[in-house]
């Protein structure tokens, strides 16, 4: 059975998708720690457009399962984390992402630059950009969860509009992934990955 990893490298080598979980609650403190560390993920210009909804209510998980083509891990996991990117919220609160230690002049210049850069994009372009950034946070979430002994199953197979309606996610947001999470009730398949030589060119 999977156990806590001793390092990031260990987590990367041992992590696998788990679709059956023990009936053991995940505490508020455990979730807070997991998401605090996930939030350390880097993002271009520190925009941090990712948002999380943590679902433990069984009736809501059942509804999410139905909107996810009956994937049993959605209803069966103690926790489902819905990760989405919301550039409307980000744009409305740009001041939150400017480093507090900069001078007032630098702060004003940074805000103007951000507004100009993102204002030049269409809503669709901003959404796609933010989703790419949120995928960085997804990678952090999966590895950190593995390092803490949790099993996860990231999913893209769902009806996004239904998920948004169930969880009151803004229509303009993009759902990056749903992640089932809990203490593993199975080992899952061992990882099968390409060798470095298959996917890399050195120049």
Protein backbone atom coordinates (compact mmCIF):
# COMPACT_ATOMS: atom_id res chain seq x y z
CA UNK A 1 0.00 0.00 0.00
CA UNK A 2 1.19 3.55 -0.72
CA UNK A 3 2.85 5.41 2.15
CA UNK A 4 4.17 8.90 2.72
CA UNK A 5 7.02 9.81 0.40
CA UNK A 6 10.33 10.99 1.83
CA UNK A 7 11.10 13.46 -0.96
CA UNK A 8 9.66 15.11 -4.05
CA UNK A 9 11.59 12.64 -6.18
CA UNK A 10 10.13 9.74 -4.22
CA UNK A 11 6.61 11.14 -4.65
CA UNK A 12 7.14 11.56 -8.39
CA UNK A 13 8.40 7.99 -8.78
CA UNK A 14 5.73 6.32 -6.65
CA UNK A 15 2.60 8.37 -7.36
CA UNK A 16 -0.14 6.57 -9.28
CA UNK A 17 -3.86 7.06 -9.87
CA UNK A 18 -6.01 5.53 -7.15
CA UNK A 19 -9.72 4.94 -7.62
CA UNK A 20 -10.64 3.14 -4.39
CA UNK A 21 -10.26 4.76 -0.97
CA UNK A 22 -10.47 3.87 2.69
CA UNK A 23 -13.44 5.25 4.59
CA UNK A 24 -11.15 7.52 6.60
CA UNK A 25 -11.90 11.24 6.87
CA UNK A 26 -9.43 13.82 5.62
CA UNK A 27 -9.22 16.52 8.28
CA UNK A 28 -9.54 20.27 7.83
CA UNK A 29 -5.92 20.71 8.93
CA UNK A 30 -4.72 18.14 6.38
CA UNK A 31 -6.63 19.85 3.58
CA UNK A 32 -5.46 23.30 4.62
CA UNK A 33 -1.83 22.16 4.63
CA UNK A 34 -2.22 20.44 1.26
CA UNK A 35 -3.76 23.49 -0.40
CA UNK A 36 -1.36 25.93 1.25
CA UNK A 37 1.56 24.00 -0.23
CA UNK A 38 -0.22 23.66 -3.58
CA UNK A 39 -0.61 27.42 -3.61
CA UNK A 40 3.17 27.72 -3.63
CA UNK A 41 3.11 26.71 -7.30
CA UNK A 42 4.69 29.27 -9.60
CA UNK A 43 2.67 31.27 -12.09
CA UNK A 44 3.62 33.82 -14.72
CA UNK A 45 3.80 37.26 -13.12
CA UNK A 46 2.54 35.66 -9.90
CA UNK A 47 -1.04 35.89 -11.15
CA UNK A 48 -2.19 32.70 -9.34
CA UNK A 49 -5.50 32.34 -11.23
CA UNK A 50 -6.32 28.94 -9.70
CA UNK A 51 -9.24 28.42 -7.34
CA UNK A 52 -10.30 25.31 -5.41
CA UNK A 53 -13.58 23.88 -4.20
CA UNK A 54 -13.23 21.10 -1.63
CA UNK A 55 -16.23 18.76 -1.61
CA UNK A 56 -16.89 16.33 1.21
CA UNK A 57 -20.70 16.41 1.27
CA UNK A 58 -21.88 13.04 -0.04
CA UNK A 59 -24.95 14.37 -1.84
CA UNK A 60 -22.81 16.86 -3.75
CA UNK A 61 -20.22 14.19 -4.58
CA UNK A 62 -23.04 12.00 -5.90
CA UNK A 63 -24.19 14.82 -8.16
CA UNK A 64 -20.62 15.37 -9.35
CA UNK A 65 -20.29 11.66 -10.06
CA UNK A 66 -23.41 11.77 -12.22
CA UNK A 67 -21.95 14.75 -14.10
CA UNK A 68 -18.68 12.82 -14.51
CA UNK A 69 -20.10 9.91 -16.49
CA UNK A 70 -20.46 7.72 -13.40
CA UNK A 71 -16.80 7.65 -12.39
CA UNK A 72 -17.05 5.81 -9.07
CA UNK A 73 -14.06 7.48 -7.46
CA UNK A 74 -15.97 10.77 -7.44
CA UNK A 75 -18.65 9.49 -5.11
CA UNK A 76 -16.38 7.05 -3.31
CA UNK A 77 -13.47 9.28 -2.32
CA UNK A 78 -13.62 11.12 1.02
CA UNK A 79 -12.76 14.35 -0.80
CA UNK A 80 -13.14 15.71 -4.30
CA UNK A 81 -11.18 18.84 -5.13
CA UNK A 82 -12.39 20.84 -8.11
CA UNK A 83 -9.62 23.04 -9.50
CA UNK A 84 -10.62 25.86 -11.81
CA UNK A 85 -9.10 29.00 -13.31
CA UNK A 86 -10.94 32.29 -12.90
CA UNK A 87 -9.45 35.28 -14.70
CA UNK A 88 -12.48 37.48 -14.03
CA UNK A 89 -11.83 37.19 -10.30
CA UNK A 90 -8.12 37.67 -10.90
CA UNK A 91 -8.63 40.82 -12.96
CA UNK A 92 -11.01 42.24 -10.38
CA UNK A 93 -8.39 41.81 -7.66
CA UNK A 94 -5.07 42.47 -9.36
CA UNK A 95 -3.81 44.36 -6.34
CA UNK A 96 -3.66 41.08 -4.40
CA UNK A 97 -0.89 39.66 -6.56
CA UNK A 98 1.55 42.59 -6.44
CA UNK A 99 4.32 41.97 -3.92
CA UNK A 100 3.72 43.99 -0.73
CA UNK A 101 7.37 45.05 -0.47
CA UNK A 102 7.52 47.05 -3.71
CA UNK A 103 7.41 50.82 -3.74
CA UNK A 104 4.14 52.63 -4.51
CA UNK A 105 5.56 53.64 -7.88
CA UNK A 106 6.52 50.07 -8.75
CA UNK A 107 3.12 48.85 -7.59
CA UNK A 108 1.31 51.32 -9.85
CA UNK A 109 3.52 50.41 -12.80
CA UNK A 110 2.99 46.68 -12.24
CA UNK A 111 -0.79 47.07 -12.06
CA UNK A 112 -0.80 49.15 -15.24
CA UNK A 113 1.32 46.56 -17.03
CA UNK A 114 -0.94 43.71 -15.94
CA UNK A 115 -4.07 45.55 -16.99
CA UNK A 116 -2.54 46.37 -20.37
CA UNK A 117 -1.30 42.82 -20.99
CA UNK A 118 -4.48 41.02 -20.05
CA UNK A 119 -6.74 43.73 -21.37
CA UNK A 120 -5.28 43.16 -24.84
CA UNK A 121 -6.44 39.53 -24.74
CA UNK A 122 -9.89 38.28 -25.56
CA UNK A 123 -11.85 36.60 -22.76
CA UNK A 124 -11.17 33.24 -24.43
CA UNK A 125 -7.43 33.93 -24.61
CA UNK A 126 -7.32 34.92 -20.94
CA UNK A 127 -9.22 31.78 -19.97
CA UNK A 128 -6.86 29.53 -21.94
CA UNK A 129 -3.82 31.27 -20.45
CA UNK A 130 -5.17 30.92 -16.92
CA UNK A 131 -5.98 27.25 -17.45
CA UNK A 132 -2.38 26.63 -18.46
CA UNK A 133 -1.20 28.26 -15.25
CA UNK A 134 -3.69 26.25 -13.18
CA UNK A 135 -2.25 23.04 -14.58
CA UNK A 136 1.00 23.90 -12.81
CA UNK A 137 -0.92 23.98 -9.54
CA UNK A 138 -2.52 20.65 -10.46
CA UNK A 139 0.91 19.05 -10.71
CA UNK A 140 1.86 20.47 -7.32
CA UNK A 141 -1.38 19.19 -5.79
CA UNK A 142 -0.82 15.63 -7.02
CA UNK A 143 2.81 15.42 -5.89
CA UNK A 144 2.20 17.04 -2.51
CA UNK A 145 -0.75 14.73 -1.89
CA UNK A 146 1.48 11.74 -2.68
CA UNK A 147 4.17 13.04 -0.34
CA UNK A 148 1.60 13.08 2.47
CA UNK A 149 0.42 9.54 1.81
CA UNK A 150 -2.80 10.39 -0.01
CA UNK A 151 -4.00 8.71 -3.17
CA UNK A 152 -5.41 10.81 -5.98
CA UNK A 153 -7.18 10.42 -9.29
CA UNK A 154 -7.14 13.50 -11.54
CA UNK A 155 -10.03 13.63 -14.00
CA UNK A 156 -10.93 15.58 -17.12
CA UNK A 157 -13.94 13.46 -18.04
CA UNK A 158 -16.91 15.50 -16.88
CA UNK A 159 -19.65 17.81 -18.13
CA UNK A 160 -18.19 21.18 -17.25
CA UNK A 161 -21.44 23.14 -17.43
CA UNK A 162 -23.12 20.74 -15.02
CA UNK A 163 -20.17 20.87 -12.62
CA UNK A 164 -20.30 24.67 -12.70
CA UNK A 165 -24.01 24.66 -11.94
CA UNK A 166 -23.66 22.20 -9.05
CA UNK A 167 -20.83 24.17 -7.42
CA UNK A 168 -21.83 27.71 -8.45
CA UNK A 169 -18.62 28.22 -10.42
CA UNK A 170 -18.73 31.30 -12.68
CA UNK A 171 -19.66 30.55 -16.27
CA UNK A 172 -16.53 32.36 -17.50
CA UNK A 173 -14.20 30.15 -15.45
CA UNK A 174 -12.45 27.07 -16.82
CA UNK A 175 -12.47 23.83 -14.85
CA UNK A 176 -8.92 22.53 -15.04
CA UNK A 177 -9.51 19.17 -13.34
CA UNK A 178 -11.39 17.28 -10.68
CA UNK A 179 -9.26 15.32 -8.22
CA UNK A 180 -10.51 12.48 -6.05
CA UNK A 181 -8.43 12.30 -2.88
CA UNK A 182 -8.17 10.10 0.19
CA UNK A 183 -6.16 7.38 1.84
CA UNK A 184 -5.66 4.63 -0.72
CA UNK A 185 -7.77 1.52 -0.59
CA UNK A 186 -5.77 0.00 -3.44
CA UNK A 187 -2.29 0.27 -4.90
CA UNK A 188 -3.41 1.14 -8.41
CA UNK A 189 -1.36 0.22 -11.45
CA UNK A 190 2.37 0.77 -11.25
CA UNK A 191 3.57 3.70 -13.32
CA UNK A 192 4.34 3.08 -16.98
CA UNK A 193 6.16 6.05 -18.49
CA UNK A 194 8.35 6.90 -21.47
CA UNK A 195 12.09 6.80 -20.97
CA UNK A 196 13.93 10.11 -21.01
CA UNK A 197 15.48 9.15 -24.36
CA UNK A 198 12.02 8.78 -25.92
CA UNK A 199 10.82 12.27 -25.04
CA UNK A 200 13.98 14.39 -24.91
CA UNK A 201 16.47 15.86 -27.35
CA UNK A 202 19.75 17.39 -26.09
CA UNK A 203 21.28 20.08 -28.30
